[in-house]
N, C-alpha and C. Protein backbone atom coordinates (compact mmCIF):
# COMPACT_ATOMS: atom_id res chain seq x y z
N MET A 1 55.38 -4.00 10.28
CA MET A 1 54.94 -5.01 8.97
C MET A 1 53.77 -4.76 9.36
N ALA A 2 52.97 -4.27 9.88
CA ALA A 2 51.48 -4.37 10.48
C ALA A 2 50.97 -2.79 10.70
N THR A 3 49.61 -2.39 10.37
CA THR A 3 49.43 -1.25 11.06
C THR A 3 47.81 -1.36 10.73
N SER A 4 47.55 0.06 11.42
CA SER A 4 46.12 -0.36 12.56
C SER A 4 45.27 0.40 11.49
N VAL A 5 44.32 0.14 10.31
CA VAL A 5 43.10 0.73 10.04
C VAL A 5 41.67 0.75 10.47
N ASN A 6 40.56 1.51 9.95
CA ASN A 6 39.52 1.30 10.30
C ASN A 6 39.11 0.55 9.69
N VAL A 7 38.25 -0.31 9.51
CA VAL A 7 37.37 -1.40 8.71
C VAL A 7 35.98 -1.38 8.87
N HIS A 8 35.39 -1.01 8.40
CA HIS A 8 33.53 -1.33 8.86
C HIS A 8 33.40 -0.77 10.29
N GLY A 9 34.04 0.57 10.59
CA GLY A 9 33.71 1.21 12.23
C GLY A 9 34.57 0.39 12.74
N GLU A 10 35.73 0.00 12.87
CA GLU A 10 36.17 -1.16 13.83
C GLU A 10 37.78 -1.20 13.61
N ASP A 11 38.60 -0.57 14.76
CA ASP A 11 39.90 -0.20 14.25
C ASP A 11 40.51 -2.20 14.23
N LYS A 12 41.30 -2.76 12.68
CA LYS A 12 41.81 -3.99 12.42
C LYS A 12 43.45 -3.41 12.29
N VAL A 13 44.26 -4.43 12.96
CA VAL A 13 45.81 -4.44 12.26
C VAL A 13 45.59 -5.35 11.38
N VAL A 14 45.93 -4.26 10.29
CA VAL A 14 46.16 -4.91 8.73
C VAL A 14 47.89 -4.88 8.82
N VAL A 15 48.09 -6.12 8.04
CA VAL A 15 49.73 -7.07 8.01
C VAL A 15 50.00 -6.34 6.34
N ASP A 16 51.34 -5.56 6.66
CA ASP A 16 51.56 -5.29 4.82
C ASP A 16 51.99 -6.63 4.26
N MET A 17 51.69 -7.30 3.39
CA MET A 17 51.34 -8.66 2.79
C MET A 17 53.10 -8.68 1.91
N THR A 18 53.60 -7.55 1.51
CA THR A 18 54.62 -7.44 0.63
C THR A 18 55.85 -7.51 1.67
N LYS A 19 55.48 -7.32 2.91
CA LYS A 19 56.99 -7.40 3.76
C LYS A 19 57.10 -9.11 3.98
N LEU A 20 55.74 -9.62 4.86
CA LEU A 20 55.44 -10.45 5.21
C LEU A 20 55.84 -11.80 4.80
N VAL A 21 55.20 -11.92 3.17
CA VAL A 21 55.55 -12.75 2.41
C VAL A 21 56.34 -13.58 2.19
N PRO A 22 57.92 -12.80 2.37
CA PRO A 22 59.46 -13.60 2.29
C PRO A 22 59.40 -14.22 3.19
N SER A 23 59.03 -13.77 3.86
CA SER A 23 59.23 -14.80 5.48
C SER A 23 58.32 -15.64 6.03
N LEU A 24 57.38 -16.31 5.37
CA LEU A 24 56.37 -16.95 5.64
C LEU A 24 57.04 -17.96 4.62
N PRO A 25 56.74 -19.62 5.75
CA PRO A 25 57.36 -20.64 5.30
C PRO A 25 56.99 -21.37 3.44
N LEU A 26 57.71 -21.75 3.22
CA LEU A 26 57.44 -21.78 1.62
C LEU A 26 57.40 -23.39 0.96
N GLU A 27 56.64 -23.94 0.31
CA GLU A 27 56.80 -25.04 -0.36
C GLU A 27 56.31 -24.91 -1.90
N THR A 28 57.62 -25.63 -2.70
CA THR A 28 57.58 -25.56 -4.02
C THR A 28 57.36 -26.76 -4.74
N ARG A 29 56.65 -27.86 -3.92
CA ARG A 29 56.27 -29.41 -4.42
C ARG A 29 54.93 -29.38 -4.97
N CYS A 30 54.16 -27.83 -5.10
CA CYS A 30 52.71 -27.91 -5.67
C CYS A 30 52.73 -27.49 -6.86
N PRO A 31 53.51 -27.79 -7.72
CA PRO A 31 53.48 -26.94 -9.56
C PRO A 31 52.14 -26.74 -9.72
N PRO A 32 51.84 -25.52 -10.32
CA PRO A 32 52.75 -24.54 -10.86
C PRO A 32 52.73 -23.55 -9.56
N PHE A 33 51.99 -23.22 -8.19
CA PHE A 33 51.99 -21.89 -7.66
C PHE A 33 52.46 -22.80 -6.53
N PRO A 34 53.89 -21.77 -6.45
CA PRO A 34 54.33 -21.99 -4.40
C PRO A 34 53.57 -21.65 -3.51
N LEU A 35 53.17 -22.07 -2.31
CA LEU A 35 52.67 -22.34 -1.63
C LEU A 35 53.44 -21.57 -0.13
N ARG A 36 52.62 -20.62 0.61
CA ARG A 36 53.14 -20.14 1.86
C ARG A 36 52.08 -20.58 2.93
N GLN A 37 52.69 -20.56 4.20
CA GLN A 37 51.72 -21.07 5.17
C GLN A 37 51.84 -20.03 5.89
N TYR A 38 50.37 -18.94 5.83
CA TYR A 38 49.79 -18.30 6.39
C TYR A 38 48.72 -18.35 7.26
N GLY A 39 48.76 -18.06 8.90
CA GLY A 39 47.54 -18.44 9.52
C GLY A 39 47.27 -20.08 10.04
N GLY A 40 48.41 -20.54 9.60
CA GLY A 40 48.18 -22.53 9.53
C GLY A 40 47.71 -22.92 8.74
N PHE A 41 47.26 -22.09 7.78
CA PHE A 41 46.95 -22.83 5.82
C PHE A 41 48.06 -22.80 4.82
N TRP A 42 48.17 -23.51 3.99
CA TRP A 42 48.81 -23.62 2.81
C TRP A 42 48.81 -22.90 1.40
N LEU A 43 48.62 -21.52 1.33
CA LEU A 43 47.71 -20.76 0.44
C LEU A 43 48.85 -20.29 -0.48
N PRO A 44 47.97 -20.36 -1.90
CA PRO A 44 49.44 -20.11 -3.14
C PRO A 44 49.77 -18.29 -2.82
N GLU A 45 51.06 -18.66 -3.03
CA GLU A 45 51.77 -16.76 -2.79
C GLU A 45 51.03 -15.60 -3.50
N GLY A 46 50.34 -16.21 -4.75
CA GLY A 46 49.68 -15.20 -5.62
C GLY A 46 48.92 -14.29 -5.25
N ILE A 47 48.03 -15.13 -4.21
CA ILE A 47 46.59 -14.56 -3.44
C ILE A 47 46.49 -13.83 -2.00
N LEU A 48 48.37 -13.69 -1.53
CA LEU A 48 48.42 -13.29 -0.13
C LEU A 48 48.15 -11.76 -0.15
N PRO A 49 48.50 -11.27 -1.27
CA PRO A 49 48.77 -9.65 -1.55
C PRO A 49 46.54 -9.25 -1.23
N ALA A 50 45.96 -9.92 -1.64
CA ALA A 50 44.59 -9.83 -1.86
C ALA A 50 43.71 -9.88 -0.55
N LEU A 51 44.41 -10.64 -0.09
CA LEU A 51 44.13 -10.95 1.43
C LEU A 51 44.29 -9.48 2.30
N GLU A 52 45.52 -8.52 2.07
CA GLU A 52 45.57 -7.84 2.88
C GLU A 52 44.64 -6.38 2.22
N ALA A 53 44.33 -6.24 0.71
CA ALA A 53 43.44 -5.60 0.31
C ALA A 53 42.12 -5.46 0.29
N ILE A 54 41.78 -6.70 0.81
CA ILE A 54 40.20 -7.03 0.37
C ILE A 54 39.48 -6.70 1.99
N PRO A 55 39.76 -6.78 2.83
CA PRO A 55 38.98 -6.08 4.14
C PRO A 55 39.07 -4.66 4.30
N THR A 56 40.35 -3.93 3.47
CA THR A 56 40.65 -2.61 3.68
C THR A 56 39.37 -1.90 2.74
N ARG A 57 39.63 -2.37 1.63
CA ARG A 57 38.95 -1.66 0.36
C ARG A 57 37.64 -2.02 0.09
N PHE A 58 37.17 -3.51 0.35
CA PHE A 58 35.91 -3.90 0.27
C PHE A 58 34.66 -3.72 0.20
N GLU A 59 33.73 -3.11 -0.20
CA GLU A 59 32.68 -2.08 0.65
C GLU A 59 31.34 -3.71 0.44
N THR A 60 30.79 -3.68 1.27
CA THR A 60 30.32 -4.75 1.70
C THR A 60 28.54 -4.00 1.51
N ARG A 61 27.69 -5.45 1.08
CA ARG A 61 26.40 -4.91 0.83
C ARG A 61 25.62 -5.69 1.46
N PRO A 62 24.22 -5.45 1.73
CA PRO A 62 23.57 -6.85 2.71
C PRO A 62 23.00 -7.81 2.04
N SER A 63 23.14 -7.54 0.67
CA SER A 63 22.34 -8.64 -0.40
C SER A 63 23.67 -9.35 -0.77
N ASN A 64 25.01 -9.19 0.00
CA ASN A 64 26.41 -9.98 -0.65
C ASN A 64 25.79 -11.21 -0.29
N VAL A 65 26.01 -12.28 -1.33
CA VAL A 65 26.05 -13.65 -1.04
C VAL A 65 27.29 -14.51 -1.26
N PHE A 66 28.20 -15.13 -0.24
CA PHE A 66 29.23 -15.39 -0.88
C PHE A 66 28.84 -17.14 -0.53
N ARG A 67 29.70 -17.40 -1.29
CA ARG A 67 29.74 -19.00 -1.90
C ARG A 67 31.17 -19.41 -1.42
N ALA A 68 31.02 -19.94 -0.26
CA ALA A 68 32.78 -20.29 0.41
C ALA A 68 32.85 -21.55 0.60
N SER A 69 33.69 -22.23 -0.10
CA SER A 69 34.26 -23.97 0.30
C SER A 69 35.72 -23.78 0.02
N PHE A 70 36.11 -25.25 0.60
CA PHE A 70 37.41 -25.57 0.11
C PHE A 70 37.53 -25.75 -1.05
N PRO A 71 38.92 -26.24 -1.28
CA PRO A 71 39.14 -26.14 -2.81
C PRO A 71 39.08 -28.04 -3.10
N LYS A 72 38.59 -28.08 -4.18
CA LYS A 72 38.39 -29.22 -5.00
C LYS A 72 37.08 -30.00 -4.03
N SER A 73 36.25 -29.64 -3.28
CA SER A 73 35.03 -30.12 -2.97
C SER A 73 33.68 -29.70 -3.28
N GLY A 74 34.11 -29.11 -5.00
CA GLY A 74 32.63 -29.61 -5.56
C GLY A 74 32.34 -27.68 -5.93
N THR A 75 33.23 -27.29 -6.01
CA THR A 75 33.79 -25.59 -6.07
C THR A 75 32.43 -25.93 -7.44
N THR A 76 32.62 -25.88 -8.56
CA THR A 76 32.34 -25.66 -10.01
C THR A 76 30.72 -26.05 -9.72
N TRP A 77 30.57 -27.39 -9.43
CA TRP A 77 28.75 -27.31 -9.23
C TRP A 77 28.37 -26.26 -8.34
N LEU A 78 28.59 -25.96 -7.25
CA LEU A 78 27.84 -25.06 -6.80
C LEU A 78 28.02 -23.78 -7.14
N LYS A 79 28.83 -23.31 -7.87
CA LYS A 79 29.26 -22.14 -8.28
C LYS A 79 27.76 -21.88 -9.49
N ALA A 80 27.77 -22.87 -10.18
CA ALA A 80 26.48 -23.35 -11.16
C ALA A 80 25.10 -23.08 -10.95
N LEU A 81 24.51 -23.93 -9.22
CA LEU A 81 23.88 -23.91 -8.89
C LEU A 81 23.06 -22.63 -8.10
N ALA A 82 24.16 -22.17 -7.79
CA ALA A 82 24.20 -20.98 -6.78
C ALA A 82 23.67 -19.59 -7.92
N PHE A 83 24.45 -19.35 -8.98
CA PHE A 83 24.32 -18.67 -9.67
C PHE A 83 22.94 -18.74 -10.70
N ALA A 84 22.42 -19.74 -11.18
CA ALA A 84 21.27 -20.21 -11.46
C ALA A 84 20.59 -20.07 -10.36
N THR A 85 20.20 -20.11 -9.46
CA THR A 85 19.77 -19.89 -8.61
C THR A 85 19.36 -18.47 -8.19
N ILE A 86 20.05 -17.80 -7.97
CA ILE A 86 20.19 -16.19 -7.98
C ILE A 86 19.25 -15.55 -8.99
N ASN A 87 19.45 -16.11 -10.31
CA ASN A 87 19.51 -15.24 -11.31
C ASN A 87 18.19 -15.67 -12.39
N ARG A 88 17.70 -16.57 -11.36
CA ARG A 88 16.86 -17.26 -12.36
C ARG A 88 15.61 -16.17 -12.75
N ASP A 89 15.16 -15.39 -12.18
CA ASP A 89 14.27 -14.53 -12.81
C ASP A 89 14.68 -14.31 -14.00
N GLU A 90 15.93 -13.57 -14.35
CA GLU A 90 16.82 -12.92 -15.23
C GLU A 90 16.83 -13.65 -16.34
N HIS A 91 17.62 -15.15 -16.18
CA HIS A 91 18.04 -16.32 -16.70
C HIS A 91 17.03 -17.48 -16.44
N PRO A 92 15.86 -17.92 -16.79
CA PRO A 92 15.00 -18.93 -16.68
C PRO A 92 15.79 -20.34 -17.64
N PRO A 93 16.03 -21.30 -16.22
CA PRO A 93 16.88 -22.70 -17.01
C PRO A 93 16.42 -22.70 -18.49
N SER A 94 15.06 -22.58 -19.22
CA SER A 94 15.16 -23.54 -20.53
C SER A 94 15.52 -22.22 -21.32
N ASP A 95 15.91 -20.74 -20.97
CA ASP A 95 16.58 -19.75 -21.81
C ASP A 95 17.51 -20.31 -22.66
N GLU A 96 17.36 -20.03 -23.47
CA GLU A 96 18.72 -20.73 -24.40
C GLU A 96 19.89 -19.38 -24.78
N HIS A 97 20.10 -18.51 -24.18
CA HIS A 97 20.72 -17.37 -23.45
C HIS A 97 21.17 -17.44 -22.48
N HIS A 98 20.83 -18.48 -21.80
CA HIS A 98 21.45 -18.66 -20.16
C HIS A 98 22.96 -18.13 -20.51
N PRO A 99 23.51 -17.57 -19.48
CA PRO A 99 24.73 -17.99 -19.05
C PRO A 99 25.77 -19.00 -19.26
N LEU A 100 25.23 -19.87 -18.32
CA LEU A 100 25.49 -21.33 -17.59
C LEU A 100 25.56 -22.28 -19.26
N ARG A 101 24.69 -21.67 -20.51
CA ARG A 101 24.97 -22.22 -21.72
C ARG A 101 26.14 -21.98 -22.29
N HIS A 102 26.58 -20.80 -22.31
CA HIS A 102 27.80 -20.52 -23.37
C HIS A 102 29.05 -20.51 -22.37
N ARG A 103 29.27 -20.17 -20.97
CA ARG A 103 30.36 -19.98 -20.44
C ARG A 103 30.31 -21.03 -19.47
N GLY A 104 31.28 -20.70 -18.62
CA GLY A 104 31.65 -22.04 -17.54
C GLY A 104 30.91 -21.30 -16.19
N PRO A 105 31.25 -22.06 -15.11
CA PRO A 105 30.29 -21.32 -13.84
C PRO A 105 31.87 -20.81 -13.08
N HIS A 106 33.06 -20.83 -13.75
CA HIS A 106 34.18 -19.62 -13.05
C HIS A 106 34.18 -18.84 -13.68
N ASP A 107 33.72 -18.56 -14.89
CA ASP A 107 33.31 -17.34 -15.73
C ASP A 107 32.03 -16.68 -14.97
N CYS A 108 31.19 -17.24 -14.78
CA CYS A 108 29.80 -16.42 -14.42
C CYS A 108 29.85 -15.79 -12.43
N VAL A 109 30.88 -16.74 -11.95
CA VAL A 109 31.38 -16.37 -10.91
C VAL A 109 32.58 -16.40 -10.59
N LYS A 110 33.92 -15.21 -10.74
CA LYS A 110 34.56 -15.46 -10.17
C LYS A 110 35.20 -15.11 -8.87
N PHE A 111 36.45 -16.33 -8.80
CA PHE A 111 36.54 -16.09 -7.65
C PHE A 111 37.51 -14.79 -6.93
N PHE A 112 37.01 -14.46 -5.90
CA PHE A 112 37.06 -13.55 -5.10
C PHE A 112 39.14 -13.11 -5.32
N GLU A 113 39.77 -13.81 -4.12
CA GLU A 113 41.09 -13.38 -4.25
C GLU A 113 42.26 -13.50 -5.57
N PRO A 114 41.88 -14.47 -6.07
CA PRO A 114 42.55 -14.59 -7.52
C PRO A 114 42.35 -13.56 -8.05
N THR A 115 41.19 -12.55 -8.76
CA THR A 115 40.62 -11.40 -9.36
C THR A 115 41.33 -10.89 -8.82
N VAL A 116 41.40 -10.08 -7.36
CA VAL A 116 41.77 -8.69 -6.82
C VAL A 116 43.17 -9.17 -6.80
N ALA A 117 43.98 -10.35 -6.49
CA ALA A 117 45.72 -10.70 -6.92
C ALA A 117 45.84 -10.26 -8.61
N ALA A 118 45.03 -10.67 -9.77
CA ALA A 118 45.51 -10.29 -10.41
C ALA A 118 45.13 -8.53 -11.06
N THR A 119 44.05 -8.07 -10.69
CA THR A 119 43.98 -6.96 -11.21
C THR A 119 44.49 -5.89 -10.14
N GLY A 120 44.67 -5.67 -8.90
CA GLY A 120 45.00 -4.76 -7.69
C GLY A 120 43.65 -4.16 -7.51
N SER A 121 42.46 -4.20 -8.20
CA SER A 121 41.28 -3.91 -7.63
C SER A 121 39.91 -4.46 -7.89
N LEU A 122 39.49 -4.01 -6.83
CA LEU A 122 38.13 -4.40 -6.85
C LEU A 122 36.75 -3.54 -7.38
N ASP A 123 37.33 -3.42 -8.70
CA ASP A 123 36.28 -2.55 -9.14
C ASP A 123 35.14 -3.88 -10.22
N ASP A 124 35.97 -4.85 -10.22
CA ASP A 124 35.08 -5.67 -11.25
C ASP A 124 33.89 -6.28 -10.11
N PHE A 125 33.69 -6.67 -8.56
CA PHE A 125 33.26 -6.85 -7.70
C PHE A 125 32.44 -5.60 -7.64
N ALA A 126 32.64 -4.37 -7.63
CA ALA A 126 31.67 -3.15 -7.34
C ALA A 126 31.29 -3.32 -8.20
N ALA A 127 31.32 -3.19 -9.22
CA ALA A 127 30.12 -3.12 -10.77
C ALA A 127 28.88 -3.88 -10.33
N LEU A 128 29.01 -5.44 -10.05
CA LEU A 128 28.06 -6.45 -9.99
C LEU A 128 26.79 -5.86 -9.20
N PRO A 129 25.88 -6.15 -10.00
CA PRO A 129 24.28 -5.71 -9.15
C PRO A 129 23.95 -6.46 -8.10
N SER A 130 23.20 -5.87 -7.45
CA SER A 130 23.23 -7.01 -5.97
C SER A 130 21.91 -7.72 -6.72
N PRO A 131 21.54 -9.06 -6.01
CA PRO A 131 22.63 -9.43 -4.90
C PRO A 131 23.99 -9.83 -5.68
N ARG A 132 25.26 -9.77 -4.98
CA ARG A 132 26.57 -10.24 -5.86
C ARG A 132 26.39 -11.94 -4.95
N LEU A 133 27.30 -12.57 -6.23
CA LEU A 133 27.31 -13.61 -5.53
C LEU A 133 28.76 -13.59 -5.87
N LEU A 134 30.06 -14.07 -4.68
CA LEU A 134 31.32 -14.09 -4.36
C LEU A 134 31.76 -14.90 -4.34
N SER A 135 32.83 -15.94 -4.80
CA SER A 135 32.99 -17.07 -4.16
C SER A 135 34.41 -16.87 -3.61
N THR A 136 34.64 -17.85 -2.75
CA THR A 136 36.25 -17.71 -2.30
C THR A 136 36.68 -19.42 -1.30
N HIS A 137 37.55 -18.98 -1.38
CA HIS A 137 38.04 -20.20 -0.79
C HIS A 137 39.00 -20.10 1.01
N VAL A 138 38.62 -18.46 0.72
CA VAL A 138 39.21 -18.07 2.26
C VAL A 138 38.48 -18.68 3.30
N LEU A 139 39.86 -18.69 4.77
CA LEU A 139 39.41 -19.46 5.71
C LEU A 139 38.57 -18.43 6.64
N ARG A 140 37.43 -18.75 7.21
CA ARG A 140 36.36 -18.32 8.08
C ARG A 140 36.85 -17.08 8.36
N SER A 141 37.45 -16.99 9.26
CA SER A 141 37.98 -15.91 10.27
C SER A 141 38.56 -15.20 9.77
N ASP A 142 39.17 -14.89 8.30
CA ASP A 142 39.36 -13.73 7.25
C ASP A 142 37.99 -13.44 6.69
N ARG A 143 37.77 -14.67 6.24
CA ARG A 143 36.04 -13.98 5.86
C ARG A 143 34.91 -13.04 6.42
N ASP A 144 35.04 -13.35 7.80
CA ASP A 144 34.20 -12.80 8.53
C ASP A 144 34.54 -10.97 8.37
N ILE A 145 35.62 -10.93 8.28
CA ILE A 145 36.15 -9.26 8.39
C ILE A 145 35.77 -8.67 7.43
N TRP A 146 35.24 -9.40 5.75
CA TRP A 146 34.54 -8.79 5.31
C TRP A 146 33.45 -8.39 5.01
N ILE A 147 32.37 -9.54 6.11
CA ILE A 147 31.28 -9.57 6.17
C ILE A 147 30.53 -8.66 7.74
N ARG A 148 31.66 -8.01 8.04
CA ARG A 148 31.05 -7.09 9.66
C ARG A 148 30.44 -5.62 9.20
N GLY A 149 30.83 -5.21 8.37
CA GLY A 149 30.08 -4.12 7.77
C GLY A 149 28.85 -4.16 7.75
N VAL A 150 27.57 -5.27 7.78
CA VAL A 150 26.48 -5.57 7.32
C VAL A 150 25.39 -5.90 8.12
N GLY A 151 26.03 -6.27 9.26
CA GLY A 151 25.70 -6.91 10.57
C GLY A 151 24.53 -5.99 11.15
N GLU A 152 24.38 -5.09 11.63
CA GLU A 152 23.52 -3.83 12.24
C GLU A 152 21.88 -4.15 11.99
N GLU A 153 21.92 -4.15 10.70
CA GLU A 153 20.62 -4.09 9.98
C GLU A 153 19.88 -5.64 9.97
N GLU A 154 20.94 -6.90 9.55
CA GLU A 154 20.69 -8.35 9.75
C GLU A 154 20.09 -8.35 11.29
N GLN A 155 20.76 -8.02 11.74
CA GLN A 155 20.20 -7.95 13.39
C GLN A 155 18.93 -7.37 13.23
N ARG A 156 18.58 -6.18 13.39
CA ARG A 156 17.47 -5.80 13.36
C ARG A 156 16.21 -6.11 12.76
N ARG A 157 16.56 -7.30 11.21
CA ARG A 157 15.43 -7.85 10.58
C ARG A 157 15.40 -9.27 11.35
N GLY A 158 16.59 -10.12 12.05
CA GLY A 158 16.01 -11.35 13.00
C GLY A 158 16.89 -11.97 11.75
N LEU A 159 17.73 -11.34 10.85
CA LEU A 159 18.23 -12.07 9.79
C LEU A 159 20.07 -12.90 10.23
N ARG A 160 20.42 -12.44 11.15
CA ARG A 160 22.02 -12.33 12.15
C ARG A 160 21.45 -13.01 13.09
N ARG A 161 22.01 -14.02 13.90
CA ARG A 161 22.21 -14.61 14.91
C ARG A 161 23.43 -14.88 15.20
N THR A 162 24.33 -14.42 16.90
CA THR A 162 24.97 -15.53 17.16
C THR A 162 24.63 -15.93 18.16
N GLU A 163 25.79 -16.99 18.58
CA GLU A 163 25.05 -18.35 19.19
C GLU A 163 26.41 -17.39 20.63
N GLU A 164 25.40 -18.25 21.87
CA GLU A 164 25.65 -17.61 23.15
C GLU A 164 26.66 -18.64 23.27
N GLY A 165 27.79 -17.75 24.10
CA GLY A 165 29.16 -18.61 24.56
C GLY A 165 30.08 -18.43 23.73
N THR A 166 29.70 -18.70 22.68
CA THR A 166 31.03 -19.25 21.29
C THR A 166 31.06 -17.48 20.67
N GLY A 167 30.56 -16.18 20.20
CA GLY A 167 30.32 -15.44 19.91
C GLY A 167 30.67 -15.20 18.39
N ARG A 168 29.96 -16.86 17.95
CA ARG A 168 29.90 -17.18 16.23
C ARG A 168 28.87 -16.44 15.78
N THR A 169 28.80 -15.84 14.86
CA THR A 169 27.72 -15.22 14.27
C THR A 169 27.77 -15.80 12.70
N GLU A 170 25.84 -15.47 12.64
CA GLU A 170 25.70 -16.71 11.73
C GLU A 170 24.61 -15.71 10.42
N LEU A 171 24.43 -15.80 9.46
CA LEU A 171 23.41 -14.80 8.55
C LEU A 171 22.33 -16.09 8.27
N VAL A 172 21.18 -15.54 8.57
CA VAL A 172 19.83 -16.45 8.10
C VAL A 172 18.53 -16.00 7.62
N GLY A 173 18.16 -16.46 7.32
CA GLY A 173 17.06 -15.79 6.29
C GLY A 173 17.20 -15.79 5.13
N GLU A 174 17.44 -14.55 4.46
CA GLU A 174 17.25 -14.56 3.22
C GLU A 174 17.99 -14.97 2.23
N ARG A 175 19.39 -15.51 2.76
CA ARG A 175 20.87 -15.91 2.41
C ARG A 175 21.06 -17.18 2.15
N ILE A 176 21.78 -17.51 0.98
CA ILE A 176 21.71 -18.78 0.54
C ILE A 176 23.44 -18.94 0.92
N VAL A 177 23.74 -19.69 1.68
CA VAL A 177 24.92 -20.15 1.90
C VAL A 177 25.11 -21.59 1.76
N LEU A 178 26.19 -21.59 0.76
CA LEU A 178 26.21 -23.29 0.01
C LEU A 178 27.89 -23.31 0.22
N GLY A 179 28.49 -24.36 0.01
CA GLY A 179 29.59 -25.05 0.80
C GLY A 179 30.05 -24.94 2.39
N GLY A 180 31.57 -24.93 2.45
CA GLY A 180 31.97 -24.73 4.11
C GLY A 180 32.59 -24.02 4.60
């Protein structure tokens, strides 16, 4: 059910979700998506395969910006704010062709897991220019696996710090962190 792979220079145990998903507790009283309990949290069944693919195939960049929040906690306006801030040089707020005037925030900043689950590919995200704005509702422990590959350069430049005794790592400085 699990295999060991090298992810960002570290050996990680990766779970085969196709075998694991049927064995997870199921909740069907939240239509339209059946939920499965994974890691102590109820997640839509359809995104679980993406949780396996992302840490093994996602190529991190030092300029990535993760917009992470709990569902129903202001995600839409946080996406709009982050997109407008990161792209303000290319799209000033007064620009009548600003993408947010013609498309919604969820079209400008796609969710990571549902996009990967639907397409089976990370190509949409690989094609994004830096800095990439990435949106997720994934738990912090799973999300940390995605960003580990960028740590050495940030530590050298003072952009990454680790809290003494806790081992918790935080990106600081040139990053925008929105949400929880």
